[in-house]
Amino acid sequence: MTDLIIASLDQLETQTFAGLRNAGADEASADAATRAMLHASRLGIDSHGVRLALHYARVLRSGRVNPTPKMQIRRTALGSAVLDADNGLGHAAGYAAMELACNLAKEAGVGAVGVINSSHFGAAGAYALAGAEAGFIAVSMSNTDSIVGLHGGAERFHGTNPIAIGAPVPDQKPWLLDMATSSIPFNRVLLYKALDRTLPESVAADQSGKPTQDPALVEMLMPLGGIDFGFKGAALAGMVTLFSAILTGSTLDHEMIRMAETHDFETPRRMGHFCLAVDPGRFVGRTLYNEAISRYLAALRTSAAREGQTVMAPGDREWAVEVERQRSGIPVDQETAQFLGLIP
């Protein structure tokens, strides 16, 4: 297994920001990307954490991503808008779109923002969390390049197409769901390959569509639900494409330049994202919402568990990882550590 370097949050924040700035990113873009990657690394989503800094630096230097974007907003109705990311880093667009959605929801009760001309935005949960921390039920999603087979399919069609939902909880961390519509994200395949680890069963397939646990043989991922129930994940992936690409007029999954498995790192991928914010105060009312979600989560966490198991709400595992990593540091692979200047 590849040796890992343990770094502090402060080290990673400083060095990741510096690495992106050195690659040409303006301050706002580097700050947003660092914030999103550190979110993932803190919560144990290492596939979307600081290990992606090297990739983002590459696409900034190559021309695929605009290092100094001038984002523009077009308001389309009381509760809707389109944000043009000017082919910049998707993280800046993701945070800006969620902030805009929240502002729209303050006025209209619901705010929906489609993002166009963007790029990979990392962990979708970063933006749902930002919305939840602002007091809204928040949804973020993005279609991505084709890497997941259809249910019963033998070729790539959808992207991993993540969906994230965050909800505020009084005096607690938000309820936070962040999931790919594939069995696993493809970055996890790359991570397992770098760490020389074997994949779980029924999450990936080889060139013929047969399941494989060898990350070196993976041609495609399986949709959420695996061999028997993959129609559920495939349908959810299609829903993300509907909102992120079809609704915004952005690039469809199967027409998108691949993130890494390509020789073209110069052409912008013109990705789409979608952010939604809902103000609980405009529905049941903030007081009743706070009481109901608190009562719901208390009942959920104290419900009976099977022997040897623990019942958790979405986000509970990640918040526990965050506490541990704040104490002990964050593991970083050798290549990333070298790029960030953590080792010679």
Protein backbone atom coordinates (compact mmCIF):
# COMPACT_ATOMS: atom_id res chain seq x y z
CA MET A 1 0.00 0.00 0.00
CA THR A 2 1.22 3.47 -0.80
CA ASP A 3 2.54 5.28 2.28
CA LEU A 4 0.42 8.15 3.51
CA ILE A 5 1.52 11.47 4.96
CA ILE A 6 -0.48 12.88 7.88
CA ALA A 7 -1.02 16.63 7.60
CA SER A 8 -2.87 19.14 9.74
CA LEU A 9 -5.90 21.03 8.47
CA ASP A 10 -3.98 24.29 8.64
CA GLN A 11 -1.12 22.85 6.56
CA LEU A 12 -3.47 21.54 3.92
CA GLU A 13 -5.48 24.71 3.71
CA THR A 14 -2.38 26.88 3.29
CA GLN A 15 -0.61 24.60 0.82
CA THR A 16 -3.66 23.73 -1.27
CA PHE A 17 -4.54 27.38 -1.69
CA ALA A 18 -0.92 28.16 -2.61
CA GLY A 19 -0.78 25.31 -5.12
CA LEU A 20 -3.87 26.57 -6.95
CA ARG A 21 -2.67 30.16 -6.90
CA ASN A 22 0.68 29.01 -8.35
CA ALA A 23 -1.27 27.29 -11.12
CA GLY A 24 -2.86 30.63 -12.02
CA ALA A 25 -6.19 30.59 -10.18
CA ASP A 26 -7.39 33.93 -8.91
CA GLU A 27 -7.90 34.35 -5.18
CA ALA A 28 -11.65 33.72 -5.16
CA SER A 29 -11.36 30.56 -7.28
CA ALA A 30 -8.48 29.15 -5.23
CA ASP A 31 -10.29 29.92 -1.99
CA ALA A 32 -13.50 28.20 -3.09
CA ALA A 33 -11.71 25.12 -4.42
CA THR A 34 -9.63 24.85 -1.24
CA ARG A 35 -12.75 25.18 0.90
CA ALA A 36 -14.56 22.44 -1.04
CA MET A 37 -11.59 20.04 -1.05
CA LEU A 38 -10.96 20.56 2.66
CA HIS A 39 -14.65 19.90 3.30
CA ALA A 40 -14.24 16.51 1.63
CA SER A 41 -10.94 15.68 3.32
CA ARG A 42 -12.23 16.67 6.77
CA LEU A 43 -15.29 14.46 6.44
CA GLY A 44 -13.40 11.44 5.09
CA ILE A 45 -14.50 11.81 1.46
CA ASP A 46 -10.88 11.42 0.34
CA SER A 47 -11.79 10.66 -3.26
CA HIS A 48 -12.89 14.31 -3.59
CA GLY A 49 -10.46 15.86 -1.15
CA VAL A 50 -7.06 17.47 -1.53
CA ARG A 51 -5.88 14.65 -3.78
CA LEU A 52 -7.69 16.50 -6.60
CA ALA A 53 -5.54 19.62 -6.19
CA LEU A 54 -2.97 18.25 -8.64
CA HIS A 55 -5.67 17.65 -11.27
CA TYR A 56 -7.13 21.11 -10.84
CA ALA A 57 -3.69 22.67 -11.18
CA ARG A 58 -3.19 20.72 -14.40
CA VAL A 59 -6.44 21.87 -16.01
CA LEU A 60 -5.83 25.46 -14.90
CA ARG A 61 -2.44 25.45 -16.63
CA SER A 62 -3.61 23.59 -19.73
CA GLY A 63 -6.48 25.90 -20.58
CA ARG A 64 -9.47 23.65 -19.89
CA VAL A 65 -10.40 25.77 -16.87
CA ASN A 66 -10.41 29.56 -16.83
CA PRO A 67 -8.21 30.69 -13.91
CA THR A 68 -9.80 34.16 -13.73
CA PRO A 69 -13.50 33.72 -14.52
CA LYS A 70 -16.04 36.53 -14.60
CA MET A 71 -19.24 34.85 -13.46
CA GLN A 72 -22.52 36.39 -14.58
CA ILE A 73 -26.02 36.00 -13.16
CA ARG A 74 -29.22 36.13 -15.18
CA ARG A 75 -32.36 36.34 -13.07
CA THR A 76 -35.17 34.48 -14.85
CA ALA A 77 -38.04 34.76 -12.35
CA LEU A 78 -38.73 35.58 -8.70
CA GLY A 79 -37.31 32.26 -7.53
CA SER A 80 -34.99 31.22 -10.35
CA ALA A 81 -31.76 32.26 -12.02
CA VAL A 82 -28.94 31.03 -14.25
CA LEU A 83 -25.29 31.49 -13.28
CA ASP A 84 -22.68 31.46 -16.06
CA ALA A 85 -19.42 30.21 -14.52
CA ASP A 86 -17.25 31.37 -17.46
CA ASN A 87 -15.54 27.96 -17.51
CA GLY A 88 -13.89 28.58 -14.15
CA LEU A 89 -13.35 26.13 -11.31
CA GLY A 90 -16.69 24.55 -10.47
CA HIS A 91 -16.24 25.06 -6.74
CA ALA A 92 -16.55 28.83 -7.04
CA ALA A 93 -19.67 28.37 -9.17
CA GLY A 94 -21.14 25.85 -6.72
CA TYR A 95 -20.80 28.12 -3.70
CA ALA A 96 -21.99 31.18 -5.64
CA ALA A 97 -25.01 29.31 -6.99
CA MET A 98 -26.03 28.03 -3.56
CA GLU A 99 -25.66 31.48 -2.03
CA LEU A 100 -27.80 32.89 -4.82
CA ALA A 101 -30.41 30.13 -4.36
CA CYS A 102 -30.62 30.96 -0.65
CA ASN A 103 -31.06 34.65 -1.39
CA LEU A 104 -33.85 33.83 -3.85
CA ALA A 105 -35.50 31.58 -1.26
CA LYS A 106 -35.52 34.45 1.23
CA GLU A 107 -37.72 36.31 -1.24
CA ALA A 108 -39.77 33.54 -2.84
CA GLY A 109 -39.62 30.67 -0.34
CA VAL A 110 -37.83 28.51 -2.92
CA GLY A 111 -34.74 29.42 -4.95
CA ALA A 112 -33.49 27.41 -7.93
CA VAL A 113 -30.25 28.16 -9.78
CA GLY A 114 -28.90 26.43 -12.85
CA VAL A 115 -25.16 26.70 -13.50
CA ILE A 116 -23.75 26.69 -17.03
CA ASN A 117 -20.24 26.74 -18.50
CA SER A 118 -18.69 25.20 -15.40
CA SER A 119 -16.23 22.43 -14.55
CA HIS A 120 -15.85 19.65 -11.97
CA PHE A 121 -17.03 20.96 -8.59
CA GLY A 122 -15.86 18.16 -6.31
CA ALA A 123 -18.09 16.93 -3.49
CA ALA A 124 -21.69 18.07 -3.98
CA GLY A 125 -22.18 18.00 -0.23
CA ALA A 126 -19.97 21.07 0.19
CA TYR A 127 -22.68 23.25 -1.34
CA ALA A 128 -25.64 21.53 0.30
CA LEU A 129 -23.86 22.03 3.63
CA ALA A 130 -23.35 25.73 2.89
CA GLY A 131 -27.08 26.09 2.24
CA ALA A 132 -28.01 24.17 5.38
CA GLU A 133 -25.66 26.27 7.48
CA ALA A 134 -27.46 29.34 6.12
CA GLY A 135 -30.74 27.91 7.42
CA PHE A 136 -32.21 26.34 4.29
CA ILE A 137 -33.00 22.85 3.09
CA ALA A 138 -30.50 22.76 0.26
CA VAL A 139 -29.97 20.48 -2.74
CA SER A 140 -26.95 20.43 -5.06
CA MET A 141 -26.24 18.14 -7.99
CA SER A 142 -24.13 17.86 -11.12
CA ASN A 143 -23.96 15.56 -14.10
CA THR A 144 -20.49 14.38 -15.06
CA ASP A 145 -18.72 12.58 -17.88
CA SER A 146 -19.90 9.12 -18.90
CA ILE A 147 -18.41 6.44 -16.64
CA VAL A 148 -21.40 4.44 -15.31
CA GLY A 149 -23.12 1.64 -17.17
CA LEU A 150 -26.90 1.49 -17.43
CA HIS A 151 -28.77 -1.29 -15.64
CA GLY A 152 -28.03 -4.31 -17.77
CA GLY A 153 -25.71 -2.24 -19.96
CA ALA A 154 -22.21 -3.03 -21.17
CA GLU A 155 -20.91 0.45 -21.90
CA ARG A 156 -20.55 3.79 -20.15
CA PHE A 157 -23.51 6.13 -20.34
CA HIS A 158 -24.21 8.30 -17.27
CA GLY A 159 -21.72 10.06 -15.06
CA THR A 160 -21.49 9.40 -11.33
CA ASN A 161 -24.00 12.28 -11.08
CA PRO A 162 -23.95 13.12 -7.37
CA ILE A 163 -26.92 14.35 -5.34
CA ALA A 164 -26.47 16.14 -2.02
CA ILE A 165 -29.11 17.40 0.39
CA GLY A 166 -28.51 19.33 3.58
CA ALA A 167 -31.00 20.40 6.24
CA PRO A 168 -30.48 22.63 9.29
CA VAL A 169 -30.92 21.10 12.75
CA PRO A 170 -31.13 23.30 15.85
CA ASP A 171 -27.98 23.14 18.02
CA GLN A 172 -26.57 20.26 15.93
CA LYS A 173 -24.64 19.64 12.78
CA PRO A 174 -26.89 19.59 9.70
CA TRP A 175 -28.57 16.47 8.36
CA LEU A 176 -26.36 15.85 5.31
CA LEU A 177 -26.73 13.36 2.49
CA ASP A 178 -24.01 13.26 -0.17
CA MET A 179 -24.20 10.35 -2.59
CA ALA A 180 -23.18 9.36 -6.06
CA THR A 181 -25.81 7.66 -8.20
CA SER A 182 -23.15 5.10 -9.08
CA SER A 183 -22.24 2.39 -6.60
CA ILE A 184 -19.09 4.39 -5.82
CA PRO A 185 -17.50 7.54 -7.28
CA PHE A 186 -14.85 6.93 -9.94
CA ASN A 187 -12.32 8.92 -7.94
CA ARG A 188 -12.53 6.13 -5.39
CA VAL A 189 -11.39 3.68 -8.05
CA LEU A 190 -8.39 5.91 -8.70
CA LEU A 191 -7.77 6.21 -4.96
CA TYR A 192 -7.92 2.43 -4.46
CA LYS A 193 -5.60 1.96 -7.42
CA ALA A 194 -3.09 4.39 -5.88
CA LEU A 195 -3.37 2.61 -2.54
CA ASP A 196 -3.21 -0.86 -4.13
CA ARG A 197 -6.53 -1.85 -2.55
CA THR A 198 -9.22 -4.24 -3.79
CA LEU A 199 -12.65 -2.82 -4.60
CA PRO A 200 -15.84 -4.12 -2.96
CA GLU A 201 -17.97 -6.54 -4.93
CA SER A 202 -20.52 -5.38 -7.53
CA VAL A 203 -19.43 -1.72 -7.73
CA ALA A 204 -17.43 -1.73 -10.97
CA ALA A 205 -17.12 -3.64 -14.23
CA ASP A 206 -14.47 -4.40 -16.82
CA GLN A 207 -14.55 -3.70 -20.56
CA SER A 208 -17.08 -6.47 -21.19
CA GLY A 209 -19.42 -5.29 -18.47
CA LYS A 210 -18.50 -8.07 -16.04
CA PRO A 211 -18.03 -7.11 -12.38
CA THR A 212 -14.41 -6.73 -11.24
CA GLN A 213 -12.73 -5.89 -7.94
CA ASP A 214 -9.42 -4.97 -9.55
CA PRO A 215 -9.25 -1.16 -9.92
CA ALA A 216 -6.72 -1.58 -12.76
CA LEU A 217 -9.33 -3.44 -14.84
CA VAL A 218 -12.25 -1.05 -14.27
CA GLU A 219 -13.80 0.29 -17.47
CA MET A 220 -17.06 1.47 -15.92
CA LEU A 221 -18.88 1.75 -12.63
CA MET A 222 -22.15 0.05 -11.84
CA PRO A 223 -25.20 2.17 -11.02
CA LEU A 224 -26.34 2.37 -7.41
CA GLY A 225 -28.01 -0.93 -6.56
CA GLY A 226 -25.47 -3.10 -8.33
CA ILE A 227 -26.30 -6.00 -10.60
CA ASP A 228 -29.82 -6.70 -9.33
CA PHE A 229 -31.17 -3.26 -8.48
CA GLY A 230 -29.09 -0.92 -10.65
CA PHE A 231 -32.22 0.43 -12.36
CA LYS A 232 -32.68 2.65 -9.29
CA GLY A 233 -29.27 4.26 -9.58
CA ALA A 234 -29.56 4.58 -13.35
CA ALA A 235 -32.89 6.39 -13.00
CA LEU A 236 -31.51 8.74 -10.34
CA ALA A 237 -28.52 9.50 -12.57
CA GLY A 238 -30.94 10.40 -15.34
CA MET A 239 -32.75 12.75 -12.96
CA VAL A 240 -29.48 14.56 -12.25
CA THR A 241 -28.82 14.86 -15.98
CA LEU A 242 -32.33 16.25 -16.41
CA PHE A 243 -31.76 19.05 -13.89
CA SER A 244 -28.05 19.75 -14.42
CA ALA A 245 -27.70 19.39 -18.19
CA ILE A 246 -31.03 19.23 -20.01
CA LEU A 247 -32.70 21.97 -17.96
CA THR A 248 -29.65 24.25 -18.21
CA GLY A 249 -28.63 23.45 -21.80
CA SER A 250 -25.26 22.09 -20.67
CA THR A 251 -23.22 19.13 -21.91
CA LEU A 252 -24.87 15.71 -21.65
CA ASP A 253 -22.98 12.95 -19.83
CA HIS A 254 -22.22 10.83 -22.88
CA GLU A 255 -21.10 13.91 -24.89
CA MET A 256 -18.76 15.30 -22.25
CA ILE A 257 -14.95 15.21 -22.43
CA ARG A 258 -13.69 12.85 -19.75
CA MET A 259 -12.27 14.37 -16.62
CA ALA A 260 -8.97 12.51 -16.65
CA GLU A 261 -8.98 9.66 -19.18
CA THR A 262 -8.29 11.89 -22.16
CA HIS A 263 -5.56 13.65 -24.08
CA ASP A 264 -7.64 16.82 -24.29
CA PHE A 265 -6.99 19.03 -21.28
CA GLU A 266 -7.47 22.25 -23.24
CA THR A 267 -11.12 22.25 -24.30
CA PRO A 268 -13.62 23.45 -21.65
CA ARG A 269 -16.15 20.78 -20.70
CA ARG A 270 -19.05 23.24 -20.18
CA MET A 271 -20.59 21.30 -17.32
CA GLY A 272 -23.89 22.11 -15.66
CA HIS A 273 -24.92 22.04 -11.99
CA PHE A 274 -28.18 22.66 -10.20
CA CYS A 275 -28.79 24.19 -6.76
CA LEU A 276 -32.05 24.44 -4.87
CA ALA A 277 -32.81 26.15 -1.55
CA VAL A 278 -36.07 25.87 0.39
CA ASP A 279 -36.95 28.14 3.32
CA PRO A 280 -38.69 26.03 6.02
CA GLY A 281 -40.20 29.21 7.42
CA ARG A 282 -42.35 29.57 4.30
CA PHE A 283 -43.89 26.12 4.76
CA VAL A 284 -44.48 24.67 8.24
CA GLY A 285 -42.81 27.65 9.91
CA ARG A 286 -39.36 27.78 11.48
CA THR A 287 -40.50 26.94 15.02
CA LEU A 288 -42.45 23.84 14.05
CA TYR A 289 -39.75 22.79 11.59
CA ASN A 290 -37.08 22.96 14.28
CA GLU A 291 -39.22 20.96 16.70
CA ALA A 292 -40.14 18.31 14.15
CA ILE A 293 -36.66 17.66 12.77
CA SER A 294 -35.21 17.52 16.28
CA ARG A 295 -37.88 15.03 17.38
CA TYR A 296 -37.41 13.00 14.21
CA LEU A 297 -33.64 12.70 14.58
CA ALA A 298 -33.86 11.89 18.30
CA ALA A 299 -36.22 9.01 17.49
CA LEU A 300 -34.08 7.84 14.59
CA ARG A 301 -30.85 7.73 16.58
CA THR A 302 -32.44 5.89 19.51
CA SER A 303 -34.29 3.34 17.39
CA ALA A 304 -33.36 -0.32 17.86
CA ALA A 305 -30.23 -1.47 16.02
CA ARG A 306 -29.23 -4.95 14.94
CA GLU A 307 -26.57 -6.68 16.98
CA GLY A 308 -23.18 -5.10 16.30
CA GLN A 309 -24.68 -2.25 14.28
CA THR A 310 -25.20 1.46 14.94
CA VAL A 311 -28.13 3.47 13.65
CA MET A 312 -27.06 6.80 12.18
CA ALA A 313 -28.64 9.70 10.33
CA PRO A 314 -27.09 10.94 7.07
CA GLY A 315 -23.98 12.88 8.00
CA ASP A 316 -23.38 11.25 11.40
CA ARG A 317 -20.48 9.14 10.17
CA GLU A 318 -18.89 12.13 8.45
CA TRP A 319 -19.19 14.36 11.53
CA ALA A 320 -17.48 11.67 13.61
CA VAL A 321 -14.66 11.45 11.05
CA GLU A 322 -14.31 15.23 11.12
CA VAL A 323 -13.84 15.24 14.89
CA GLU A 324 -11.19 12.52 14.66
CA ARG A 325 -9.33 14.17 11.81
CA GLN A 326 -9.30 17.52 13.54
CA ARG A 327 -7.52 15.71 16.36
CA SER A 328 -5.18 13.42 14.48
CA GLY A 329 -4.74 15.07 11.04
CA ILE A 330 -5.66 14.11 7.48
CA PRO A 331 -4.00 11.34 5.44
CA VAL A 332 -2.51 12.44 2.12
CA ASP A 333 -0.95 10.24 -0.56
CA GLN A 334 2.68 10.74 -1.55
CA GLU A 335 2.02 12.33 -4.94
CA THR A 336 -0.39 14.89 -3.51
CA ALA A 337 1.88 15.56 -0.54
CA GLN A 338 4.77 16.25 -2.90
CA PHE A 339 2.70 18.61 -5.06
CA LEU A 340 1.56 20.49 -1.96
CA GLY A 341 5.11 20.78 -0.70
CA LEU A 342 4.50 18.65 2.38
CA ILE A 343 7.45 16.42 1.48
CA PRO A 344 10.54 17.04 -0.73
